[in-house]
Amino acid sequence: MALVTVFSAFNPMDAQLVRSRLEAAQFHAFVTHELSALSMDGYAMAAGGILVQVPETEATDAREFLAADTPSDEPQQD
């Protein structure tokens, strides 16, 4: 099973939040490079970030889900 990166972050909290959102939507998401980033200051940036990955077959749908579910800065109208 090949994994594809659909999101990268420079802190574990952002990566885990995205993983959680993807899992709640029935995607099979994994976080990689998290422990390495926590072991050395600045490593996450040097290594390209903490990665959220999904199986290749889910990558397109996961990217669309994340793009559609991104909150905007505009106030909500009722």
C-alpha atoms as a PDB file:
ATOM      1  CA  MET A   1       0.000   0.000   0.000  1.00  0.00           C
ATOM      2  CA  ALA A   2       1.610   3.222  -1.154  1.00  0.00           C
ATOM      3  CA  LEU A   3       0.953   6.260   1.016  1.00  0.00           C
ATOM      4  CA  VAL A   4       0.543   9.769  -0.387  1.00  0.00           C
ATOM      5  CA  THR A   5       0.996  13.011   1.542  1.00  0.00           C
ATOM      6  CA  VAL A   6      -2.166  15.114   1.598  1.00  0.00           C
ATOM      7  CA  PHE A   7      -1.111  17.626   4.283  1.00  0.00           C
ATOM      8  CA  SER A   8       2.062  18.765   5.991  1.00  0.00           C
ATOM      9  CA  ALA A   9       2.488  20.788   9.170  1.00  0.00           C
ATOM     10  CA  PHE A  10       5.302  22.107  11.320  1.00  0.00           C
ATOM     11  CA  ASN A  11       3.709  21.158  14.628  1.00  0.00           C
ATOM     12  CA  PRO A  12       2.172  17.877  15.777  1.00  0.00           C
ATOM     13  CA  MET A  13      -1.098  19.451  16.898  1.00  0.00           C
ATOM     14  CA  ASP A  14      -2.018  20.578  13.370  1.00  0.00           C
ATOM     15  CA  ALA A  15      -1.051  17.233  11.852  1.00  0.00           C
ATOM     16  CA  GLN A  16      -3.044  15.242  14.424  1.00  0.00           C
ATOM     17  CA  LEU A  17      -6.078  17.499  13.971  1.00  0.00           C
ATOM     18  CA  VAL A  18      -6.080  16.882  10.219  1.00  0.00           C
ATOM     19  CA  ARG A  19      -5.566  13.131  10.766  1.00  0.00           C
ATOM     20  CA  SER A  20      -8.519  13.112  13.140  1.00  0.00           C
ATOM     21  CA  ARG A  21     -10.746  14.967  10.664  1.00  0.00           C
ATOM     22  CA  LEU A  22      -9.808  12.531   7.911  1.00  0.00           C
ATOM     23  CA  GLU A  23     -10.454   9.497  10.098  1.00  0.00           C
ATOM     24  CA  ALA A  24     -13.847  10.886  11.120  1.00  0.00           C
ATOM     25  CA  ALA A  25     -14.650  11.034   7.390  1.00  0.00           C
ATOM     26  CA  GLN A  26     -13.683   7.342   7.002  1.00  0.00           C
ATOM     27  CA  PHE A  27     -10.236   7.904   5.437  1.00  0.00           C
ATOM     28  CA  HIS A  28      -7.281   5.771   6.574  1.00  0.00           C
ATOM     29  CA  ALA A  29      -4.896   8.538   7.652  1.00  0.00           C
ATOM     30  CA  PHE A  30      -1.420   8.228   9.156  1.00  0.00           C
ATOM     31  CA  VAL A  31       0.972  10.807  10.635  1.00  0.00           C
ATOM     32  CA  THR A  32       4.667  10.408   9.823  1.00  0.00           C
ATOM     33  CA  HIS A  33       7.841  12.231  10.943  1.00  0.00           C
ATOM     34  CA  GLU A  34       6.124  13.334  14.148  1.00  0.00           C
ATOM     35  CA  LEU A  35       8.554  11.741  16.616  1.00  0.00           C
ATOM     36  CA  SER A  36      11.610  12.943  14.736  1.00  0.00           C
ATOM     37  CA  ALA A  37      10.243  16.469  14.737  1.00  0.00           C
ATOM     38  CA  LEU A  38       9.673  16.325  18.486  1.00  0.00           C
ATOM     39  CA  SER A  39      13.172  15.029  19.233  1.00  0.00           C
ATOM     40  CA  MET A  40      15.116  17.979  17.807  1.00  0.00           C
ATOM     41  CA  ASP A  41      14.150  21.648  17.625  1.00  0.00           C
ATOM     42  CA  GLY A  42      13.735  22.787  14.041  1.00  0.00           C
ATOM     43  CA  TYR A  43      13.821  19.271  12.609  1.00  0.00           C
ATOM     44  CA  ALA A  44      10.243  19.421  11.349  1.00  0.00           C
ATOM     45  CA  MET A  45      11.058  22.396   9.166  1.00  0.00           C
ATOM     46  CA  ALA A  46      14.330  20.897   7.953  1.00  0.00           C
ATOM     47  CA  ALA A  47      12.687  17.572   7.081  1.00  0.00           C
ATOM     48  CA  GLY A  48       9.773  19.108   5.211  1.00  0.00           C
ATOM     49  CA  GLY A  49       7.248  18.949   7.997  1.00  0.00           C
ATOM     50  CA  ILE A  50       5.148  16.407   9.803  1.00  0.00           C
ATOM     51  CA  LEU A  51       3.204  14.555   7.128  1.00  0.00           C
ATOM     52  CA  VAL A  52      -0.384  13.358   7.052  1.00  0.00           C
ATOM     53  CA  GLN A  53      -0.674  10.532   4.553  1.00  0.00           C
ATOM     54  CA  VAL A  54      -3.433   8.334   3.171  1.00  0.00           C
ATOM     55  CA  PRO A  55      -3.401   5.325   0.835  1.00  0.00           C
ATOM     56  CA  GLU A  56      -2.898   6.309  -2.791  1.00  0.00           C
ATOM     57  CA  THR A  57      -6.439   5.230  -3.671  1.00  0.00           C
ATOM     58  CA  GLU A  58      -7.874   7.772  -1.188  1.00  0.00           C
ATOM     59  CA  ALA A  59      -5.544  10.697  -1.917  1.00  0.00           C
ATOM     60  CA  THR A  60      -7.692  12.626  -4.401  1.00  0.00           C
ATOM     61  CA  ASP A  61     -10.822  12.347  -2.268  1.00  0.00           C
ATOM     62  CA  ALA A  62      -8.912  13.261   0.901  1.00  0.00           C
ATOM     63  CA  ARG A  63      -7.459  16.397  -0.712  1.00  0.00           C
ATOM     64  CA  GLU A  64     -10.915  17.416  -1.915  1.00  0.00           C
ATOM     65  CA  PHE A  65     -12.340  16.809   1.560  1.00  0.00           C
ATOM     66  CA  LEU A  66      -9.664  18.950   3.199  1.00  0.00           C
ATOM     67  CA  ALA A  67     -10.055  21.732   0.637  1.00  0.00           C
ATOM     68  CA  ALA A  68     -13.857  21.792   0.987  1.00  0.00           C
ATOM     69  CA  ASP A  69     -13.791  21.581   4.772  1.00  0.00           C
ATOM     70  CA  THR A  70     -11.298  24.415   5.309  1.00  0.00           C
ATOM     71  CA  PRO A  71     -12.941  27.081   7.447  1.00  0.00           C
ATOM     72  CA  SER A  72     -12.920  30.568   5.984  1.00  0.00           C
ATOM     73  CA  ASP A  73     -12.255  33.799   7.816  1.00  0.00           C
ATOM     74  CA  GLU A  74     -15.606  35.160   6.708  1.00  0.00           C
ATOM     75  CA  PRO A  75     -18.349  35.354   9.318  1.00  0.00           C
ATOM     76  CA  GLN A  76     -21.185  32.854   8.964  1.00  0.00           C
ATOM     77  CA  GLN A  77     -24.560  34.288   7.933  1.00  0.00           C
ATOM     78  CA  ASP A  78     -27.760  32.803   9.325  1.00  0.00           C
END
